[in-house]
Protein backbone atom coordinates (compact mmCIF):
# COMPACT_ATOMS: atom_id res chain seq x y z
CA MET A 1 123.13 93.76 74.43
CA ASN A 2 122.42 90.47 72.64
CA THR A 3 120.16 89.31 75.23
CA ALA A 4 118.00 93.11 74.86
CA ALA A 5 118.03 92.69 71.13
CA ARG A 6 115.92 89.59 71.64
CA MET A 7 114.34 90.86 74.74
CA GLU A 8 112.67 93.83 72.66
CA SER A 9 109.92 91.55 70.99
CA SER A 10 108.27 90.92 73.99
CA GLY A 11 108.41 94.61 75.06
CA ASP A 12 105.75 97.20 74.83
CA ARG A 13 105.95 101.18 73.11
CA GLY A 14 107.18 103.38 75.21
CA ARG A 15 108.00 101.33 78.60
CA ILE A 16 111.65 99.86 79.02
CA GLN A 17 111.74 96.07 79.81
CA VAL A 18 114.86 94.45 81.83
CA SER A 19 116.40 90.97 82.87
CA GLN A 20 116.90 89.41 85.93
CA ILE A 21 120.00 90.44 85.74
CA THR A 22 119.93 94.11 85.62
CA ALA A 23 116.81 93.85 88.20
CA ASP A 24 119.54 91.94 90.61
CA LEU A 25 121.74 95.16 89.88
CA LEU A 26 119.43 97.68 90.74
CA ALA A 27 118.28 95.75 93.72
CA GLU A 28 121.59 95.43 95.38
CA ALA A 29 121.73 98.91 94.79
CA GLY A 30 118.97 100.22 96.57
CA LEU A 31 116.71 100.74 94.15
CA SER A 32 114.60 97.49 93.71
CA ARG A 33 111.54 100.47 94.20
CA TRP A 34 112.42 101.12 90.44
CA ILE A 35 111.02 97.49 88.99
CA ILE A 36 107.95 95.67 88.86
CA PRO A 37 108.06 91.90 87.91
CA ARG A 38 105.96 91.21 85.01
CA SER A 39 103.67 88.47 86.14
CA ILE A 40 104.21 85.93 83.56
CA LYS A 41 107.47 84.89 82.26
CA MET A 42 108.76 86.07 78.31
CA PHE A 43 109.91 83.65 75.70
CA VAL A 44 112.78 85.32 74.14
CA LYS A 45 114.09 83.55 71.05
CA GLY A 46 116.90 82.11 71.84
CA LYS A 47 117.00 82.23 76.17
CA GLY A 48 113.67 80.28 76.42
CA GLU A 49 111.29 81.43 79.04
CA MET A 50 112.74 84.46 81.16
CA GLN A 51 112.04 86.59 84.26
CA THR A 52 111.54 90.11 83.31
CA TYR A 53 110.64 93.63 84.58
CA TRP A 54 109.51 96.45 83.44
CA VAL A 55 111.10 100.06 85.15
CA ARG A 56 108.66 101.98 86.36
CA LYS A 57 107.11 104.98 84.36
CA SER A 58 106.94 108.86 86.29
CA SER A 59 105.81 111.79 85.00
CA ARG A 60 106.14 113.43 88.12
CA PRO A 61 107.36 117.80 88.29
CA MET A 62 110.29 118.45 90.29
CA LYS A 63 109.57 119.72 93.27
CA PRO A 64 110.65 122.19 95.77
CA LYS A 65 113.88 120.80 98.22
CA THR A 66 112.20 119.25 100.98
CA THR A 67 112.38 118.03 104.96
CA ASP A 68 114.16 115.07 105.97
CA LEU A 69 111.05 114.09 107.19
CA GLU A 70 109.34 114.46 103.91
CA SER A 71 112.85 113.12 101.95
CA GLU A 72 111.96 109.88 104.29
CA MET A 73 108.92 109.45 103.00
CA GLU A 74 109.80 110.83 100.22
CA THR A 75 109.57 107.30 97.97
CA LEU A 76 106.05 106.72 99.43
CA ASP A 77 105.00 109.91 98.09
CA GLU A 78 106.51 109.77 94.83
CA GLU A 79 104.99 105.72 94.06
CA ALA A 80 101.93 107.32 95.30
CA GLU A 81 102.03 109.48 92.26
CA THR A 82 103.41 107.24 89.91
CA GLU A 83 100.23 105.27 90.56
CA GLU A 84 98.11 107.87 90.17
CA SER A 85 99.43 108.61 87.13
CA SER A 86 99.80 105.33 85.40
CA GLU A 87 95.57 104.79 84.79
CA LYS A 88 96.71 104.49 80.88
CA ALA A 89 99.49 101.63 81.25
CA LYS A 90 97.56 99.68 83.48
CA GLU A 91 94.82 100.00 81.14
CA GLU A 92 96.95 98.56 78.01
CA ASP A 93 98.97 95.88 80.16
CA ASP A 94 96.24 94.22 82.48
CA GLU A 95 99.12 92.18 83.80
CA LEU A 96 99.54 95.16 86.01
CA SER A 97 96.49 95.30 87.82
CA GLY A 98 96.32 95.07 91.07
CA ILE A 99 100.56 95.12 91.38
CA GLU A 100 101.18 98.33 92.38
CA GLU A 101 99.07 98.47 95.44
CA MET A 102 99.99 94.85 96.25
CA ASN A 103 104.20 95.53 96.37
CA LYS A 104 103.62 99.38 97.89
CA THR A 105 101.80 97.72 100.88
CA ASP A 106 104.27 95.37 100.99
CA ARG A 107 107.26 97.83 100.68
CA LEU A 108 105.09 99.65 103.62
CA VAL A 109 105.28 96.45 105.79
CA GLU A 110 109.20 96.09 105.30
CA TRP A 111 109.45 99.85 106.49
CA ASN A 112 107.65 99.99 109.76
CA LEU A 113 109.59 96.36 109.94
CA GLU A 114 112.89 98.31 110.28
CA ILE A 115 111.87 101.20 112.36
CA LEU A 116 110.56 98.48 114.81
CA SER A 117 113.54 96.17 114.97
CA SER A 118 115.67 98.25 115.20
CA LEU A 119 113.77 99.74 118.62
CA LEU A 120 113.32 96.30 119.69
CA GLU A 121 116.88 95.50 119.49
CA GLN A 122 117.51 98.78 121.30
CA ILE A 123 115.40 97.38 123.92
CA VAL A 124 117.23 93.61 124.50
CA GLY A 125 120.79 95.65 124.29
CA SER A 126 119.09 97.69 127.44
CA ARG A 127 118.71 94.52 129.00
CA GLY A 128 122.36 93.16 128.70
CA GLY A 129 120.97 91.29 125.23
CA VAL A 130 118.81 88.89 127.66
CA VAL A 131 115.56 87.61 125.72
CA SER A 132 114.06 84.86 127.88
CA ASN A 133 110.84 83.16 127.69
CA ALA A 134 107.86 85.07 129.25
CA LYS A 135 105.88 82.50 130.64
CA THR A 136 106.04 83.33 133.43
CA ILE A 137 103.88 86.54 132.71
CA SER A 138 101.05 84.80 131.01
CA ASN A 139 98.97 85.13 133.87
CA ALA A 140 99.66 89.28 133.88
CA GLU A 141 98.91 88.95 129.91
CA LYS A 142 95.36 87.12 129.87
CA ASN A 143 94.52 89.92 132.96
CA ILE A 144 95.86 92.74 131.58
CA GLY A 145 93.08 95.39 129.28
CA THR A 146 90.36 93.57 131.09
CA GLY A 147 88.43 93.80 134.85
CA GLY A 148 85.41 95.76 132.71
CA ARG A 149 86.90 99.09 132.37
CA THR A 150 87.26 100.55 128.63
CA VAL A 151 90.67 101.46 127.22
CA LEU A 152 89.47 105.46 127.63
CA GLU A 153 89.25 104.08 131.44
CA GLU A 154 92.28 103.03 131.96
CA CYS A 155 94.32 106.20 130.60
CA ALA A 156 96.69 107.69 133.33
CA PRO A 157 97.53 111.65 134.03
CA ILE A 158 101.12 110.49 134.66
CA ILE A 159 102.88 107.51 133.04
CA GLN A 160 105.77 106.29 135.28
CA LEU A 161 108.59 106.01 132.88
CA LYS A 162 112.11 103.20 134.17
CA ARG A 163 114.70 105.29 135.30
CA PHE A 164 118.04 104.02 134.54
CA GLU A 165 121.58 104.26 136.66
CA VAL A 166 124.31 106.61 134.90
CA GLU A 167 126.56 103.26 134.76
CA GLU A 168 123.48 100.87 133.07
CA LEU A 169 123.12 104.02 130.53
CA LYS A 170 127.40 103.94 130.00
CA ASN A 171 127.64 100.52 129.46
CA ARG A 172 124.28 99.77 127.58
CA GLY A 173 124.58 97.97 124.26
CA GLY A 174 123.43 99.72 120.90
CA PRO A 175 121.15 98.11 117.96
CA SER A 176 124.59 97.43 115.66
CA SER A 177 125.53 94.93 118.88
CA THR A 178 122.45 92.82 119.25
CA SER A 179 120.22 90.43 117.38
CA ILE A 180 116.60 89.96 117.83
CA GLY A 181 117.03 86.50 115.87
CA GLU A 182 115.09 85.28 112.53
CA GLU A 183 112.22 83.93 114.57
CA VAL A 184 111.15 87.23 116.03
CA LYS A 185 111.91 89.07 113.25
CA SER A 186 109.66 86.78 111.12
CA GLN A 187 106.62 87.24 113.67
CA LEU A 188 107.21 91.07 113.20
CA ARG A 189 106.60 90.70 110.30
CA ASN A 190 103.68 88.92 109.96
CA TYR A 191 102.25 90.91 113.21
CA ILE A 192 102.58 94.40 110.77
CA SER A 193 101.83 92.25 108.00
CA SER A 194 98.62 91.44 109.54
CA ILE A 195 97.57 94.97 111.16
CA SER A 196 97.98 96.64 107.22
CA GLU A 197 95.33 94.10 105.99
CA MET A 198 92.73 95.41 109.20
CA TYR A 199 93.20 98.90 107.77
CA PRO A 200 90.10 99.82 105.37
CA HIS A 201 90.89 100.98 101.58
CA ASN A 202 89.55 104.62 102.86
CA ALA A 203 91.12 107.66 100.52
CA PHE A 204 92.93 109.19 104.24
CA HIS A 205 92.23 106.76 107.10
CA ASN A 206 94.61 103.75 105.52
CA PHE A 207 97.77 101.87 106.36
CA GLU A 208 99.84 105.22 104.52
CA HIS A 209 98.69 107.44 106.90
CA ALA A 210 99.91 105.08 109.41
CA SER A 211 103.16 104.78 107.88
CA HIS A 212 103.26 108.87 107.74
CA VAL A 213 102.43 109.32 111.21
CA THR A 214 104.96 106.73 112.19
CA ALA A 215 107.40 108.50 110.00
CA SER A 216 107.01 111.84 111.75
CA VAL A 217 106.57 109.72 115.42
CA LYS A 218 110.41 108.41 114.18
CA LYS A 219 111.54 112.11 113.12
CA LEU A 220 110.35 113.87 115.96
CA LEU A 221 111.81 111.02 118.51
CA ALA A 222 115.36 111.54 117.29
CA ARG A 223 115.32 115.59 117.15
CA ILE A 224 114.48 115.57 120.94
CA VAL A 225 117.55 117.68 122.27
CA ASN A 226 119.29 118.43 125.36
CA ILE A 227 117.49 121.84 126.25
CA ASP A 228 120.37 123.22 127.94
CA ASP A 229 123.74 122.20 125.62
CA GLY A 230 121.52 121.65 122.45
CA ASN A 231 122.03 118.44 122.16
CA GLY A 232 120.26 116.21 119.71
CA LEU A 233 119.72 112.30 119.54
CA GLY A 234 119.99 112.19 115.93
CA ALA A 235 120.40 116.09 115.41
CA GLY A 236 122.71 117.08 112.59
CA ASN A 237 124.06 112.95 112.19
CA PRO A 238 121.54 110.16 112.44
CA SER A 239 124.98 108.27 112.87
CA LYS A 240 126.32 109.71 115.56
CA ARG A 241 126.13 108.67 119.02
CA VAL A 242 124.96 110.54 121.30
CA ASP A 243 125.31 110.56 125.89
CA LEU A 244 122.64 108.76 127.13
CA VAL A 245 123.41 110.23 130.52
CA ASP A 246 123.66 114.09 129.75
CA LEU A 247 120.46 113.43 127.19
CA ALA A 248 118.29 111.48 129.72
CA GLY A 249 117.55 113.99 132.59
CA HIS A 250 116.46 116.41 129.44
CA SER A 251 114.67 114.33 127.60
CA TYR A 252 112.23 113.00 130.80
CA GLY A 253 112.99 109.64 130.50
CA ILE A 254 111.84 108.97 127.32
CA THR A 255 115.12 108.92 125.11
CA SER A 256 116.62 106.45 127.71
CA ASP A 257 114.13 103.89 127.33
CA PRO A 258 113.99 102.17 124.29
CA LEU A 259 110.73 100.52 125.69
CA THR A 260 108.94 103.96 125.84
CA GLN A 261 110.33 104.89 122.14
CA PHE A 262 108.77 101.21 120.68
CA ALA A 263 105.24 101.83 122.28
CA VAL A 264 105.38 105.19 120.39
CA VAL A 265 106.02 104.16 117.18
CA PHE A 266 104.25 100.94 117.39
CA SER A 267 100.59 102.86 118.87
CA ALA A 268 101.52 105.14 114.92
CA ILE A 269 101.24 102.24 113.18
CA ILE A 270 98.19 100.82 114.90
CA HIS A 271 96.27 103.79 115.38
CA ASP A 272 93.90 103.94 113.08
CA VAL A 273 93.27 100.21 112.78
CA ASP A 274 89.72 99.15 111.17
CA HIS A 275 88.77 102.80 110.87
CA PRO A 276 85.57 103.04 109.54
CA GLY A 277 85.87 106.51 107.69
CA VAL A 278 83.88 108.89 109.65
CA PRO A 279 84.45 110.39 113.16
CA ASN A 280 82.98 109.45 116.25
CA THR A 281 79.92 111.16 116.55
CA GLN A 282 78.95 109.73 113.55
CA LEU A 283 79.49 105.84 115.02
CA VAL A 284 77.31 107.34 118.24
CA LYS A 285 74.46 108.16 115.94
CA GLU A 286 74.52 105.54 114.40
CA ASN A 287 74.60 103.49 117.23
CA ILE A 288 76.93 100.69 116.14
CA ARG A 289 77.74 97.88 118.33
CA TRP A 290 81.59 99.50 119.00
CA ALA A 291 79.97 102.68 120.05
CA GLN A 292 77.49 100.92 122.60
CA ILE A 293 80.50 99.41 124.67
CA TYR A 294 82.89 102.58 124.07
CA LYS A 295 80.32 105.46 124.07
CA LYS A 296 82.61 108.06 122.90
CA SER A 297 86.19 107.63 121.20
CA VAL A 298 84.85 104.55 119.69
CA ALA A 299 87.54 104.39 116.67
CA GLU A 300 90.63 104.58 119.14
CA GLN A 301 89.56 102.65 121.91
CA LYS A 302 88.64 99.58 118.79
CA SER A 303 92.18 100.40 117.35
CA VAL A 304 93.80 99.47 120.60
CA ASP A 305 91.75 96.90 121.34
CA ILE A 306 92.25 95.11 118.02
CA ALA A 307 95.49 95.25 117.60
CA TRP A 308 96.66 94.22 121.17
CA ASN A 309 93.99 91.05 121.21
CA MET A 310 96.10 90.39 118.12
CA LEU A 311 99.40 90.65 120.01
CA MET A 312 98.70 88.44 122.91
CA GLU A 313 98.40 85.79 120.06
CA ASP A 314 100.15 82.40 120.75
CA GLU A 315 101.65 82.98 117.34
CA TYR A 316 103.65 85.95 118.64
CA ALA A 317 105.27 84.53 121.99
CA ALA A 318 108.54 85.42 120.71
CA LEU A 319 107.99 89.24 119.88
CA ARG A 320 106.19 89.65 123.25
CA ALA A 321 109.35 88.20 124.87
CA CYS A 322 111.67 90.52 123.40
CA ILE A 323 109.34 93.58 124.36
CA TYR A 324 109.18 93.37 128.00
CA GLN A 325 110.76 90.60 130.03
CA ASN A 326 108.33 91.28 133.47
CA GLU A 327 104.50 92.26 134.41
CA GLU A 328 106.19 96.01 135.00
CA ASP A 329 107.41 96.03 131.98
CA LEU A 330 104.28 95.13 130.58
CA ARG A 331 101.99 97.70 132.06
CA ARG A 332 104.21 100.44 131.38
CA PHE A 333 104.37 99.47 127.81
CA ARG A 334 100.22 98.61 127.37
CA GLN A 335 100.09 102.02 129.55
CA LEU A 336 102.20 104.06 127.16
CA VAL A 337 99.88 102.41 123.90
CA VAL A 338 96.96 103.22 125.77
CA ASN A 339 97.55 107.02 126.21
CA THR A 340 99.39 107.08 122.84
CA VAL A 341 96.51 106.26 121.12
CA MET A 342 93.93 107.39 123.14
CA ALA A 343 95.55 111.23 122.41
CA THR A 344 94.75 110.65 118.49
CA ASP A 345 90.98 111.95 119.46
CA ILE A 346 91.70 115.61 119.38
CA VAL A 347 87.54 116.20 118.41
CA ASP A 348 86.62 115.02 122.64
CA LYS A 349 86.55 118.54 124.09
CA GLU A 350 86.39 117.14 127.72
CA LEU A 351 89.63 115.08 126.54
CA GLN A 352 91.46 118.15 125.11
CA ALA A 353 90.60 120.14 127.88
CA LEU A 354 92.15 117.64 130.67
CA ARG A 355 95.65 117.79 128.55
CA LYS A 356 95.22 121.66 128.30
CA ALA A 357 95.39 121.21 132.14
CA ARG A 358 97.95 119.58 132.54
CA TRP A 359 99.75 121.09 129.68
CA GLU A 360 99.73 124.02 131.90
CA THR A 361 100.48 122.29 135.18
CA ALA A 362 103.73 121.38 133.38
CA PHE A 363 104.96 124.04 130.93
CA SER A 364 103.27 127.00 132.25
CA LYS A 365 105.71 129.97 133.77
CA ASN A 366 103.67 129.50 137.22
CA ALA A 367 104.52 126.43 137.17
CA THR A 368 105.11 124.76 141.04
CA PRO A 369 109.09 123.93 141.33
CA PHE A 370 109.19 120.24 143.27
CA ALA A 371 110.18 120.40 146.81
CA SER A 372 111.59 116.64 146.94
CA ARG A 373 113.20 113.87 144.69
CA ASP A 374 109.89 112.48 144.57
CA ASP A 375 107.76 115.53 143.50
CA ASP A 376 111.08 115.56 140.77
CA VAL A 377 110.43 112.56 139.50
CA GLU A 378 106.32 113.05 138.90
CA SER A 379 106.89 116.47 137.81
CA GLU A 380 109.56 114.50 135.21
CA ASP A 381 107.05 111.66 134.52
CA ARG A 382 103.73 114.04 134.08
CA LYS A 383 105.87 115.73 131.29
CA ALA A 384 107.06 112.61 129.55
CA THR A 385 103.37 111.84 129.56
CA ILE A 386 102.43 115.36 128.19
CA VAL A 387 105.23 115.46 125.48
CA ILE A 388 104.47 111.75 124.48
CA GLU A 389 100.60 112.80 124.05
CA HIS A 390 101.56 115.96 122.33
CA LEU A 391 104.04 113.90 119.73
CA ILE A 392 101.47 112.13 118.73
CA GLN A 393 99.06 114.40 118.03
CA ALA A 394 101.60 116.76 116.02
CA SER A 395 102.28 113.48 114.15
CA ASP A 396 98.57 112.10 113.16
CA VAL A 397 98.30 115.81 111.35
CA SER A 398 101.83 116.63 110.45
CA HIS A 399 100.98 117.06 107.13
CA THR A 400 99.69 119.99 107.30
CA MET A 401 103.04 121.29 109.22
CA GLN A 402 105.21 119.78 106.02
CA HIS A 403 105.57 121.48 103.06
CA TRP A 404 102.29 122.53 100.87
CA TYR A 405 102.70 119.77 98.09
CA ILE A 406 102.70 117.16 100.75
CA TYR A 407 99.65 118.88 103.21
CA LYS A 408 97.28 119.51 99.97
CA LYS A 409 97.97 115.76 98.96
CA TRP A 410 96.75 114.67 101.53
CA ASN A 411 94.24 117.40 102.82
CA GLU A 412 92.43 116.48 99.24
CA ARG A 413 92.00 112.62 100.48
CA PHE A 414 90.65 113.60 103.65
CA PHE A 415 87.84 115.84 101.83
CA MET A 416 87.56 112.93 99.67
CA GLU A 417 86.95 110.67 102.45
CA CYS A 418 84.59 113.17 104.26
CA TYR A 419 82.33 113.89 101.15
CA GLY A 420 82.23 110.18 100.31
CA ALA A 421 80.90 109.61 103.73
CA TYR A 422 78.31 112.54 103.25
CA MET A 423 77.03 110.72 99.55
CA ASN A 424 76.66 107.95 101.18
CA GLY A 425 74.24 109.11 103.82
CA ARG A 426 76.73 108.93 106.74
CA ALA A 427 76.97 112.77 107.59
CA ASP A 428 74.76 114.91 107.85
CA SER A 429 76.27 118.20 106.23
CA ASP A 430 77.94 118.77 103.12
CA PRO A 431 81.54 118.88 103.96
CA SER A 432 82.22 120.98 100.45
CA LYS A 433 80.00 123.70 101.91
CA ASN A 434 82.63 125.08 104.93
CA TRP A 435 85.69 122.88 103.92
CA TYR A 436 87.47 125.92 102.99
CA LYS A 437 86.61 128.13 106.28
CA SER A 438 86.67 125.09 108.60
CA GLU A 439 90.36 124.62 107.57
CA VAL A 440 91.63 128.40 107.93
CA GLY A 441 90.20 127.59 111.87
CA PHE A 442 91.66 123.92 112.08
CA PHE A 443 95.45 126.00 111.45
CA ASP A 444 94.37 128.44 113.85
CA TYR A 445 92.42 126.87 116.86
CA TYR A 446 94.91 123.43 116.64
CA VAL A 447 97.48 123.04 114.35
CA ILE A 448 99.39 126.49 114.67
CA PRO A 449 99.01 126.11 118.76
CA LEU A 450 99.79 122.58 118.87
CA ALA A 451 103.37 123.92 116.97
CA ARG A 452 103.62 126.33 119.36
CA LYS A 453 103.68 124.12 122.12
CA LEU A 454 106.35 121.64 120.48
CA GLN A 455 108.41 124.37 120.72
CA SER A 456 107.91 125.87 123.83
CA CYS A 457 108.15 122.30 125.85
CA GLY A 458 111.73 122.67 123.97
CA VAL A 459 112.81 119.42 123.33
CA PHE A 460 112.37 118.90 119.70
CA GLY A 461 114.54 121.24 118.88
CA VAL A 462 114.71 122.72 114.95
CA SER A 463 112.28 120.47 114.38
CA SER A 464 109.74 122.70 116.46
CA HIS A 465 110.62 125.90 114.58
CA GLU A 466 109.81 123.84 111.34
CA TYR A 467 107.00 122.71 112.03
CA LEU A 468 105.51 126.00 113.13
CA ASN A 469 106.94 127.76 109.74
CA TYR A 470 105.39 125.26 107.37
CA ALA A 471 102.38 125.39 109.61
CA VAL A 472 102.07 128.84 109.11
CA ALA A 473 103.47 129.28 105.37
CA ASN A 474 100.37 126.17 104.44
CA ARG A 475 98.02 128.46 106.31
CA GLU A 476 99.12 131.28 104.19
CA GLU A 477 99.15 129.14 100.93
CA TRP A 478 95.50 127.86 101.56
CA VAL A 479 94.36 131.58 102.03
CA ARG A 480 94.73 132.01 98.86
CA GLU A 481 94.19 128.71 97.03
CA GLY A 482 91.57 126.84 99.41
CA GLU A 483 88.24 128.27 97.59
CA LEU A 484 89.57 127.10 94.33
CA LEU A 485 91.29 123.64 95.89
CA VAL A 486 87.57 122.45 97.27
CA GLN A 487 85.95 123.05 93.67
CA GLN A 488 88.78 120.63 92.16
CA TYR A 489 88.23 118.28 94.78
CA VAL A 490 84.51 118.02 94.34
CA SER A 491 85.31 118.03 90.39
CA LYS A 492 87.44 115.00 90.71
CA PHE A 493 84.69 113.79 93.31
CA LYS A 494 82.22 113.63 90.92
CA GLU A 495 84.59 112.18 87.48
CA GLN A 496 85.86 109.46 89.65
CA ASN A 497 82.75 108.06 90.76
CA ALA A 498 80.14 109.52 87.71
């Protein structure tokens, strides 16, 4: 009480200032996001110089009950709201300038780090804890992704996943029994941090979007279910251990191979690295260097090349040794990353037609039954490949299949990015003229059919119903409110850029 009373002289009206001891207690309780360190130490009478902290302000309204995906990202969304509503406080106290955004990015890095670290522990556990120097495959690392082919040309219609013996699955060690070590974790942190810095400050295609996509991928991977018996990977109780032997045959091998799961999450994090904030058609029209190299799917191919080349640098050698130990795993990891990131190009009609044809081959009621064990394995791999591609596609637009509040927030950001490109002469037409109708069409011809595919493939359990229900509800809400919202978006853009 004495310390608090003496700290009042260095406080500000309407703000709560706490001491280092209180800050430490909040951190121990997992509530470090509640506080912001002051950039300079305060002189407190009788105490000398002290590091003190502001408690974050929040004027957000109560929101309806969210799904567990939204709960997972709720902190990030709430922090975005807090930052947007705290401009006045920033003007009153210059020392907070830049701290909010810096801390937010750092927290996103740590959040992604924990997800990938857990999956790395599962990879090491699946190898019996073995992590040895991978210099024996250094030549394969140098050669992979080269040879004159573009990333798009590397895409495979079927990815051959690894198969595990029953006894191996039964005896596999989990993350709790395996540690990747501080060196690997430090390299992983540095890698994710470097990736985050390569995301431009676009309104939509930024590192926060990548993290939001990652959250959806993580959720859908955890919801893969046994289509016969309804057993789910983390469904109902995320901490409950699932029988991998029982589950592997019904998830087309996705759940039994932690490297596959790591590759999909990794792809979500890197899928929009260095995104230019305009569509591929504009990049081709502008004839930029990358467009000359790739011809199509320019942004997606560039993201893979940038992220992969960085991962191959010497400073990430220990991290790579954790991800794969032989050339077979290296090539499977590369193929998964290529296919997953390239699947996020949903505009190219040729690529979409190819995916649709593969879906029909694998999941249509008229699909040809397999005649042998080899056919069975190929059929499972085809289905796994398609499920992974649709998983990342759904995650990339997951805001359209979440609560209206989340959808509206990200829709506004995407509009701001597109409208900004138009105002800067990087788009032929004013997006505000057709935004309302095009969004209805996006729901009708892409989002809702995609949600129905998630449901019909039968591996995502309750999440597929949840995604479809939200998509339909958001479409109805957009029909009612969309035209007014577009007007508000335009007004807001003009006010911000006056």
